[in-house]
Amino acid sequence: KIDYYINYHSLNDNADLFRNPPGNLTIKVL
């Protein structure tokens, strides 16, 4: 199980990269 802790603006500016993550990967905004 992977928890991916990410900067809010990095996620917002690169949203196309984070579509449809695998089920065992959780994106968590800091």
PDB file of all heavy atoms in Angstrom:
ATOM      1  N   LYS A   1       0.864  -1.185   0.000  1.00  0.00           N
ATOM      2  CA  LYS A   1       0.000   0.000   0.000  1.00  0.00           C
ATOM      3  C   LYS A   1       0.897   1.229   0.000  1.00  0.00           C
ATOM      4  O   LYS A   1       1.798   1.348   0.837  1.00  0.00           O
ATOM      5  CB  LYS A   1      -0.907   0.016   1.221  1.00  0.00           C
ATOM      6  CG  LYS A   1      -1.885   1.183   1.251  1.00  0.00           C
ATOM      7  CD  LYS A   1      -2.752   1.138   2.496  1.00  0.00           C
ATOM      8  CE  LYS A   1      -3.825   2.227   2.460  1.00  0.00           C
ATOM      9  NZ  LYS A   1      -3.258   3.575   2.284  1.00  0.00           N
ATOM     10  N   ILE A   2       0.667   2.138  -0.972  1.00  0.00           N
ATOM     11  CA  ILE A   2       1.475   3.339  -1.087  1.00  0.00           C
ATOM     12  C   ILE A   2       0.629   4.567  -0.790  1.00  0.00           C
ATOM     13  O   ILE A   2      -0.430   4.765  -1.386  1.00  0.00           O
ATOM     14  CB  ILE A   2       2.084   3.463  -2.498  1.00  0.00           C
ATOM     15  CG1 ILE A   2       3.020   2.289  -2.775  1.00  0.00           C
ATOM     16  CG2 ILE A   2       2.834   4.790  -2.645  1.00  0.00           C
ATOM     17  CD1 ILE A   2       3.597   2.286  -4.174  1.00  0.00           C
ATOM     18  N   ASP A   3       1.093   5.375   0.134  1.00  0.00           N
ATOM     19  CA  ASP A   3       0.500   6.687   0.381  1.00  0.00           C
ATOM     20  C   ASP A   3       1.421   7.733  -0.229  1.00  0.00           C
ATOM     21  O   ASP A   3       2.604   7.832   0.142  1.00  0.00           O
ATOM     22  CB  ASP A   3       0.334   6.945   1.873  1.00  0.00           C
ATOM     23  CG  ASP A   3      -0.753   6.082   2.492  1.00  0.00           C
ATOM     24  OD1 ASP A   3      -1.654   5.651   1.750  1.00  0.00           O
ATOM     25  OD2 ASP A   3      -0.691   5.831   3.719  1.00  0.00           O
ATOM     26  N   TYR A   4       0.904   8.481  -1.165  1.00  0.00           N
ATOM     27  CA  TYR A   4       1.686   9.479  -1.913  1.00  0.00           C
ATOM     28  C   TYR A   4       1.313  10.855  -1.374  1.00  0.00           C
ATOM     29  O   TYR A   4       0.245  11.376  -1.660  1.00  0.00           O
ATOM     30  CB  TYR A   4       1.350   9.356  -3.398  1.00  0.00           C
ATOM     31  CG  TYR A   4       2.192  10.160  -4.366  1.00  0.00           C
ATOM     32  CD1 TYR A   4       2.843   9.549  -5.426  1.00  0.00           C
ATOM     33  CD2 TYR A   4       2.317  11.540  -4.254  1.00  0.00           C
ATOM     34  CE1 TYR A   4       3.604  10.275  -6.347  1.00  0.00           C
ATOM     35  CE2 TYR A   4       3.080  12.271  -5.148  1.00  0.00           C
ATOM     36  CZ  TYR A   4       3.711  11.633  -6.195  1.00  0.00           C
ATOM     37  OH  TYR A   4       4.455  12.365  -7.095  1.00  0.00           O
ATOM     38  N   TYR A   5       2.200  11.445  -0.579  1.00  0.00           N
ATOM     39  CA  TYR A   5       1.962  12.762   0.016  1.00  0.00           C
ATOM     40  C   TYR A   5       2.500  13.829  -0.930  1.00  0.00           C
ATOM     41  O   TYR A   5       3.695  13.866  -1.226  1.00  0.00           O
ATOM     42  CB  TYR A   5       2.656  12.851   1.378  1.00  0.00           C
ATOM     43  CG  TYR A   5       2.074  11.919   2.410  1.00  0.00           C
ATOM     44  CD1 TYR A   5       2.542  10.616   2.542  1.00  0.00           C
ATOM     45  CD2 TYR A   5       1.052  12.341   3.261  1.00  0.00           C
ATOM     46  CE1 TYR A   5       2.008   9.750   3.491  1.00  0.00           C
ATOM     47  CE2 TYR A   5       0.514  11.490   4.210  1.00  0.00           C
ATOM     48  CZ  TYR A   5       0.993  10.193   4.319  1.00  0.00           C
ATOM     49  OH  TYR A   5       0.451   9.344   5.269  1.00  0.00           O
ATOM     50  N   ILE A   6       1.611  14.717  -1.381  1.00  0.00           N
ATOM     51  CA  ILE A   6       1.991  15.635  -2.454  1.00  0.00           C
ATOM     52  C   ILE A   6       1.656  17.081  -2.125  1.00  0.00           C
ATOM     53  O   ILE A   6       0.684  17.374  -1.406  1.00  0.00           O
ATOM     54  CB  ILE A   6       1.297  15.209  -3.772  1.00  0.00           C
ATOM     55  CG1 ILE A   6       1.853  15.992  -4.967  1.00  0.00           C
ATOM     56  CG2 ILE A   6      -0.217  15.339  -3.676  1.00  0.00           C
ATOM     57  CD1 ILE A   6       1.424  15.451  -6.315  1.00  0.00           C
ATOM     58  N   ASN A   7       2.464  17.969  -2.667  1.00  0.00           N
ATOM     59  CA  ASN A   7       2.211  19.404  -2.577  1.00  0.00           C
ATOM     60  C   ASN A   7       0.935  19.748  -3.355  1.00  0.00           C
ATOM     61  O   ASN A   7       0.724  19.268  -4.471  1.00  0.00           O
ATOM     62  CB  ASN A   7       3.409  20.140  -3.165  1.00  0.00           C
ATOM     63  CG  ASN A   7       3.306  21.643  -3.052  1.00  0.00           C
ATOM     64  OD1 ASN A   7       2.525  22.275  -3.749  1.00  0.00           O
ATOM     65  ND2 ASN A   7       4.130  22.229  -2.202  1.00  0.00           N
ATOM     66  N   TYR A   8       0.108  20.567  -2.767  1.00  0.00           N
ATOM     67  CA  TYR A   8      -1.175  20.928  -3.382  1.00  0.00           C
ATOM     68  C   TYR A   8      -1.008  21.495  -4.789  1.00  0.00           C
ATOM     69  O   TYR A   8      -1.730  21.119  -5.718  1.00  0.00           O
ATOM     70  CB  TYR A   8      -1.892  21.948  -2.489  1.00  0.00           C
ATOM     71  CG  TYR A   8      -3.091  22.604  -3.145  1.00  0.00           C
ATOM     72  CD1 TYR A   8      -4.293  21.925  -3.295  1.00  0.00           C
ATOM     73  CD2 TYR A   8      -3.005  23.917  -3.633  1.00  0.00           C
ATOM     74  CE1 TYR A   8      -5.387  22.521  -3.906  1.00  0.00           C
ATOM     75  CE2 TYR A   8      -4.084  24.517  -4.246  1.00  0.00           C
ATOM     76  CZ  TYR A   8      -5.271  23.821  -4.386  1.00  0.00           C
ATOM     77  OH  TYR A   8      -6.339  24.411  -5.001  1.00  0.00           O
ATOM     78  N   HIS A   9      -0.054  22.416  -4.979  1.00  0.00           N
ATOM     79  CA  HIS A   9       0.101  23.066  -6.276  1.00  0.00           C
ATOM     80  C   HIS A   9       0.713  22.135  -7.317  1.00  0.00           C
ATOM     81  O   HIS A   9       0.400  22.226  -8.500  1.00  0.00           O
ATOM     82  CB  HIS A   9       0.928  24.347  -6.131  1.00  0.00           C
ATOM     83  CG  HIS A   9       0.253  25.384  -5.289  1.00  0.00           C
ATOM     84  ND1 HIS A   9      -0.927  25.986  -5.659  1.00  0.00           N
ATOM     85  CD2 HIS A   9       0.584  25.894  -4.072  1.00  0.00           C
ATOM     86  CE1 HIS A   9      -1.291  26.850  -4.712  1.00  0.00           C
ATOM     87  NE2 HIS A   9      -0.399  26.805  -3.746  1.00  0.00           N
ATOM     88  N   SER A  10       1.579  21.233  -6.885  1.00  0.00           N
ATOM     89  CA  SER A  10       2.125  20.247  -7.818  1.00  0.00           C
ATOM     90  C   SER A  10       1.006  19.375  -8.377  1.00  0.00           C
ATOM     91  O   SER A  10       0.977  19.068  -9.572  1.00  0.00           O
ATOM     92  CB  SER A  10       3.162  19.362  -7.121  1.00  0.00           C
ATOM     93  OG  SER A  10       4.318  20.088  -6.809  1.00  0.00           O
ATOM     94  N   LEU A  11       0.108  18.969  -7.513  1.00  0.00           N
ATOM     95  CA  LEU A  11      -1.021  18.156  -7.958  1.00  0.00           C
ATOM     96  C   LEU A  11      -1.944  18.950  -8.867  1.00  0.00           C
ATOM     97  O   LEU A  11      -2.359  18.486  -9.933  1.00  0.00           O
ATOM     98  CB  LEU A  11      -1.800  17.638  -6.744  1.00  0.00           C
ATOM     99  CG  LEU A  11      -3.051  16.807  -7.054  1.00  0.00           C
ATOM    100  CD1 LEU A  11      -2.687  15.546  -7.833  1.00  0.00           C
ATOM    101  CD2 LEU A  11      -3.776  16.444  -5.759  1.00  0.00           C
ATOM    102  N   ASN A  12      -2.237  20.183  -8.467  1.00  0.00           N
ATOM    103  CA  ASN A  12      -3.153  21.020  -9.235  1.00  0.00           C
ATOM    104  C   ASN A  12      -2.604  21.355 -10.615  1.00  0.00           C
ATOM    105  O   ASN A  12      -3.331  21.328 -11.619  1.00  0.00           O
ATOM    106  CB  ASN A  12      -3.440  22.309  -8.461  1.00  0.00           C
ATOM    107  CG  ASN A  12      -4.545  23.125  -9.082  1.00  0.00           C
ATOM    108  OD1 ASN A  12      -5.661  22.649  -9.254  1.00  0.00           O
ATOM    109  ND2 ASN A  12      -4.242  24.364  -9.425  1.00  0.00           N
ATOM    110  N   ASP A  13      -1.299  21.641 -10.695  1.00  0.00           N
ATOM    111  CA  ASP A  13      -0.683  22.040 -11.959  1.00  0.00           C
ATOM    112  C   ASP A  13      -0.402  20.860 -12.877  1.00  0.00           C
ATOM    113  O   ASP A  13      -0.131  21.052 -14.065  1.00  0.00           O
ATOM    114  CB  ASP A  13       0.625  22.791 -11.703  1.00  0.00           C
ATOM    115  CG  ASP A  13       0.403  24.143 -11.050  1.00  0.00           C
ATOM    116  OD1 ASP A  13      -0.754  24.596 -11.021  1.00  0.00           O
ATOM    117  OD2 ASP A  13       1.373  24.737 -10.547  1.00  0.00           O
ATOM    118  N   ASN A  14      -0.425  19.654 -12.327  1.00  0.00           N
ATOM    119  CA  ASN A  14      -0.103  18.465 -13.119  1.00  0.00           C
ATOM    120  C   ASN A  14      -1.177  17.394 -12.959  1.00  0.00           C
ATOM    121  O   ASN A  14      -0.893  16.195 -12.904  1.00  0.00           O
ATOM    122  CB  ASN A  14       1.253  17.903 -12.691  1.00  0.00           C
ATOM    123  CG  ASN A  14       2.383  18.887 -12.886  1.00  0.00           C
ATOM    124  OD1 ASN A  14       2.927  19.027 -13.966  1.00  0.00           O
ATOM    125  ND2 ASN A  14       2.741  19.602 -11.811  1.00  0.00           N
ATOM    126  N   ALA A  15      -2.430  17.853 -12.930  1.00  0.00           N
ATOM    127  CA  ALA A  15      -3.534  16.942 -12.655  1.00  0.00           C
ATOM    128  C   ALA A  15      -3.619  15.808 -13.678  1.00  0.00           C
ATOM    129  O   ALA A  15      -4.062  14.698 -13.353  1.00  0.00           O
ATOM    130  CB  ALA A  15      -4.851  17.725 -12.635  1.00  0.00           C
ATOM    131  N   ASP A  16      -3.181  16.073 -14.921  1.00  0.00           N
ATOM    132  CA  ASP A  16      -3.269  15.047 -15.960  1.00  0.00           C
ATOM    133  C   ASP A  16      -2.401  13.830 -15.640  1.00  0.00           C
ATOM    134  O   ASP A  16      -2.673  12.727 -16.123  1.00  0.00           O
ATOM    135  CB  ASP A  16      -2.881  15.622 -17.322  1.00  0.00           C
ATOM    136  CG  ASP A  16      -1.515  16.284 -17.340  1.00  0.00           C
ATOM    137  OD1 ASP A  16      -1.207  17.015 -16.381  1.00  0.00           O
ATOM    138  OD2 ASP A  16      -0.763  16.093 -18.305  1.00  0.00           O
ATOM    139  N   LEU A  17      -1.376  14.016 -14.817  1.00  0.00           N
ATOM    140  CA  LEU A  17      -0.500  12.899 -14.472  1.00  0.00           C
ATOM    141  C   LEU A  17      -1.115  11.974 -13.422  1.00  0.00           C
ATOM    142  O   LEU A  17      -0.691  10.827 -13.285  1.00  0.00           O
ATOM    143  CB  LEU A  17       0.831  13.423 -13.926  1.00  0.00           C
ATOM    144  CG  LEU A  17       1.781  14.116 -14.902  1.00  0.00           C
ATOM    145  CD1 LEU A  17       3.015  14.609 -14.150  1.00  0.00           C
ATOM    146  CD2 LEU A  17       2.186  13.192 -16.030  1.00  0.00           C
ATOM    147  N   PHE A  18      -2.083  12.475 -12.677  1.00  0.00           N
ATOM    148  CA  PHE A  18      -2.560  11.734 -11.514  1.00  0.00           C
ATOM    149  C   PHE A  18      -3.946  11.123 -11.697  1.00  0.00           C
ATOM    150  O   PHE A  18      -4.577  10.725 -10.729  1.00  0.00           O
ATOM    151  CB  PHE A  18      -2.532  12.651 -10.285  1.00  0.00           C
ATOM    152  CG  PHE A  18      -1.141  12.985  -9.850  1.00  0.00           C
ATOM    153  CD1 PHE A  18      -0.487  14.104 -10.357  1.00  0.00           C
ATOM    154  CD2 PHE A  18      -0.461  12.172  -8.973  1.00  0.00           C
ATOM    155  CE1 PHE A  18       0.809  14.407  -9.977  1.00  0.00           C
ATOM    156  CE2 PHE A  18       0.840  12.466  -8.588  1.00  0.00           C
ATOM    157  CZ  PHE A  18       1.478  13.581  -9.088  1.00  0.00           C
ATOM    158  N   ARG A  19      -4.384  11.047 -12.926  1.00  0.00           N
ATOM    159  CA  ARG A  19      -5.678  10.420 -13.186  1.00  0.00           C
ATOM    160  C   ARG A  19      -5.575   8.900 -13.067  1.00  0.00           C
ATOM    161  O   ARG A  19      -4.584   8.300 -13.455  1.00  0.00           O
ATOM    162  CB  ARG A  19      -6.172  10.791 -14.583  1.00  0.00           C
ATOM    163  CG  ARG A  19      -6.455  12.274 -14.746  1.00  0.00           C
ATOM    164  CD  ARG A  19      -7.031  12.591 -16.113  1.00  0.00           C
ATOM    165  NE  ARG A  19      -7.195  14.029 -16.295  1.00  0.00           N
ATOM    166  CZ  ARG A  19      -6.751  14.707 -17.329  1.00  0.00           C
ATOM    167  NH1 ARG A  19      -6.097  14.082 -18.290  1.00  0.00           N
ATOM    168  NH2 ARG A  19      -6.939  16.017 -17.413  1.00  0.00           N
ATOM    169  N   ASN A  20      -6.597   8.292 -12.502  1.00  0.00           N
ATOM    170  CA  ASN A  20      -6.727   6.834 -12.423  1.00  0.00           C
ATOM    171  C   ASN A  20      -5.524   6.144 -11.784  1.00  0.00           C
ATOM    172  O   ASN A  20      -4.886   5.267 -12.387  1.00  0.00           O
ATOM    173  CB  ASN A  20      -6.956   6.251 -13.830  1.00  0.00           C
ATOM    174  CG  ASN A  20      -8.157   6.851 -14.519  1.00  0.00           C
ATOM    175  OD1 ASN A  20      -9.220   6.992 -13.909  1.00  0.00           O
ATOM    176  ND2 ASN A  20      -8.005   7.209 -15.780  1.00  0.00           N
ATOM    177  N   PRO A  21      -5.187   6.499 -10.546  1.00  0.00           N
ATOM    178  CA  PRO A  21      -4.087   5.797  -9.874  1.00  0.00           C
ATOM    179  C   PRO A  21      -4.473   4.352  -9.576  1.00  0.00           C
ATOM    180  O   PRO A  21      -5.659   4.024  -9.452  1.00  0.00           O
ATOM    181  CB  PRO A  21      -3.911   6.596  -8.586  1.00  0.00           C
ATOM    182  CG  PRO A  21      -5.250   7.208  -8.329  1.00  0.00           C
ATOM    183  CD  PRO A  21      -5.817   7.509  -9.685  1.00  0.00           C
ATOM    184  N   PRO A  22      -3.493   3.449  -9.456  1.00  0.00           N
ATOM    185  CA  PRO A  22      -3.795   2.070  -9.064  1.00  0.00           C
ATOM    186  C   PRO A  22      -4.523   2.036  -7.722  1.00  0.00           C
ATOM    187  O   PRO A  22      -4.390   2.948  -6.904  1.00  0.00           O
ATOM    188  CB  PRO A  22      -2.399   1.428  -8.958  1.00  0.00           C
ATOM    189  CG  PRO A  22      -1.513   2.282  -9.810  1.00  0.00           C
ATOM    190  CD  PRO A  22      -2.058   3.670  -9.702  1.00  0.00           C
ATOM    191  N   GLY A  23      -5.274   0.966  -7.490  1.00  0.00           N
ATOM    192  CA  GLY A  23      -6.094   0.878  -6.286  1.00  0.00           C
ATOM    193  C   GLY A  23      -5.306   0.898  -4.997  1.00  0.00           C
ATOM    194  O   GLY A  23      -5.839   1.283  -3.948  1.00  0.00           O
ATOM    195  N   ASN A  24      -4.053   0.484  -5.061  1.00  0.00           N
ATOM    196  CA  ASN A  24      -3.231   0.458  -3.838  1.00  0.00           C
ATOM    197  C   ASN A  24      -2.371   1.701  -3.672  1.00  0.00           C
ATOM    198  O   ASN A  24      -1.461   1.737  -2.846  1.00  0.00           O
ATOM    199  CB  ASN A  24      -2.352  -0.796  -3.819  1.00  0.00           C
ATOM    200  CG  ASN A  24      -1.443  -0.909  -5.038  1.00  0.00           C
ATOM    201  OD1 ASN A  24      -1.773  -0.415  -6.120  1.00  0.00           O
ATOM    202  ND2 ASN A  24      -0.310  -1.580  -4.884  1.00  0.00           N
ATOM    203  N   LEU A  25      -2.663   2.728  -4.467  1.00  0.00           N
ATOM    204  CA  LEU A  25      -1.960   4.015  -4.366  1.00  0.00           C
ATOM    205  C   LEU A  25      -2.955   5.101  -3.988  1.00  0.00           C
ATOM    206  O   LEU A  25      -3.920   5.368  -4.716  1.00  0.00           O
ATOM    207  CB  LEU A  25      -1.292   4.351  -5.702  1.00  0.00           C
ATOM    208  CG  LEU A  25      -0.645   5.746  -5.816  1.00  0.00           C
ATOM    209  CD1 LEU A  25       0.493   5.891  -4.816  1.00  0.00           C
ATOM    210  CD2 LEU A  25      -0.143   5.990  -7.227  1.00  0.00           C
ATOM    211  N   THR A  26      -2.731   5.739  -2.846  1.00  0.00           N
ATOM    212  CA  THR A  26      -3.614   6.795  -2.357  1.00  0.00           C
ATOM    213  C   THR A  26      -2.890   8.138  -2.415  1.00  0.00           C
ATOM    214  O   THR A  26      -1.782   8.277  -1.873  1.00  0.00           O
ATOM    215  CB  THR A  26      -4.054   6.517  -0.910  1.00  0.00           C
ATOM    216  OG1 THR A  26      -4.693   5.242  -0.844  1.00  0.00           O
ATOM    217  CG2 THR A  26      -5.014   7.592  -0.426  1.00  0.00           C
ATOM    218  N   ILE A  27      -3.494   9.112  -3.093  1.00  0.00           N
ATOM    219  CA  ILE A  27      -2.927  10.450  -3.193  1.00  0.00           C
ATOM    220  C   ILE A  27      -3.407  11.277  -1.997  1.00  0.00           C
ATOM    221  O   ILE A  27      -4.611  11.424  -1.784  1.00  0.00           O
ATOM    222  CB  ILE A  27      -3.342  11.143  -4.502  1.00  0.00           C
ATOM    223  CG1 ILE A  27      -3.080  10.239  -5.708  1.00  0.00           C
ATOM    224  CG2 ILE A  27      -2.634  12.484  -4.653  1.00  0.00           C
ATOM    225  CD1 ILE A  27      -1.638   9.890  -5.933  1.00  0.00           C
ATOM    226  N   LYS A  28      -2.469  11.815  -1.231  1.00  0.00           N
ATOM    227  CA  LYS A  28      -2.812  12.584  -0.041  1.00  0.00           C
ATOM    228  C   LYS A  28      -2.196  13.977  -0.138  1.00  0.00           C
ATOM    229  O   LYS A  28      -0.963  14.121  -0.126  1.00  0.00           O
ATOM    230  CB  LYS A  28      -2.315  11.867   1.217  1.00  0.00           C
ATOM    231  CG  LYS A  28      -2.973  10.498   1.439  1.00  0.00           C
ATOM    232  CD  LYS A  28      -2.642   9.925   2.805  1.00  0.00           C
ATOM    233  CE  LYS A  28      -3.442   8.663   3.066  1.00  0.00           C
ATOM    234  NZ  LYS A  28      -3.238   8.134   4.433  1.00  0.00           N
ATOM    235  N   VAL A  29      -3.041  14.988  -0.228  1.00  0.00           N
ATOM    236  CA  VAL A  29      -2.565  16.370  -0.331  1.00  0.00           C
ATOM    237  C   VAL A  29      -2.120  16.867   1.038  1.00  0.00           C
ATOM    238  O   VAL A  29      -2.826  16.692   2.037  1.00  0.00           O
ATOM    239  CB  VAL A  29      -3.665  17.283  -0.898  1.00  0.00           C
ATOM    240  CG1 VAL A  29      -3.180  18.732  -0.950  1.00  0.00           C
ATOM    241  CG2 VAL A  29      -4.088  16.812  -2.286  1.00  0.00           C
ATOM    242  N   LEU A  30      -0.955  17.482   1.068  1.00  0.00           N
ATOM    243  CA  LEU A  30      -0.434  18.048   2.311  1.00  0.00           C
ATOM    244  C   LEU A  30      -1.095  19.400   2.580  1.00  0.00           C
ATOM    245  O   LEU A  30      -0.939  20.348   1.808  1.00  0.00           O
ATOM    246  CB  LEU A  30       1.087  18.197   2.214  1.00  0.00           C
ATOM    247  CG  LEU A  30       1.839  16.868   2.212  1.00  0.00           C
ATOM    248  CD1 LEU A  30       3.243  17.038   1.640  1.00  0.00           C
ATOM    249  CD2 LEU A  30       1.893  16.285   3.615  1.00  0.00           C
TER     250      LEU A  30
END
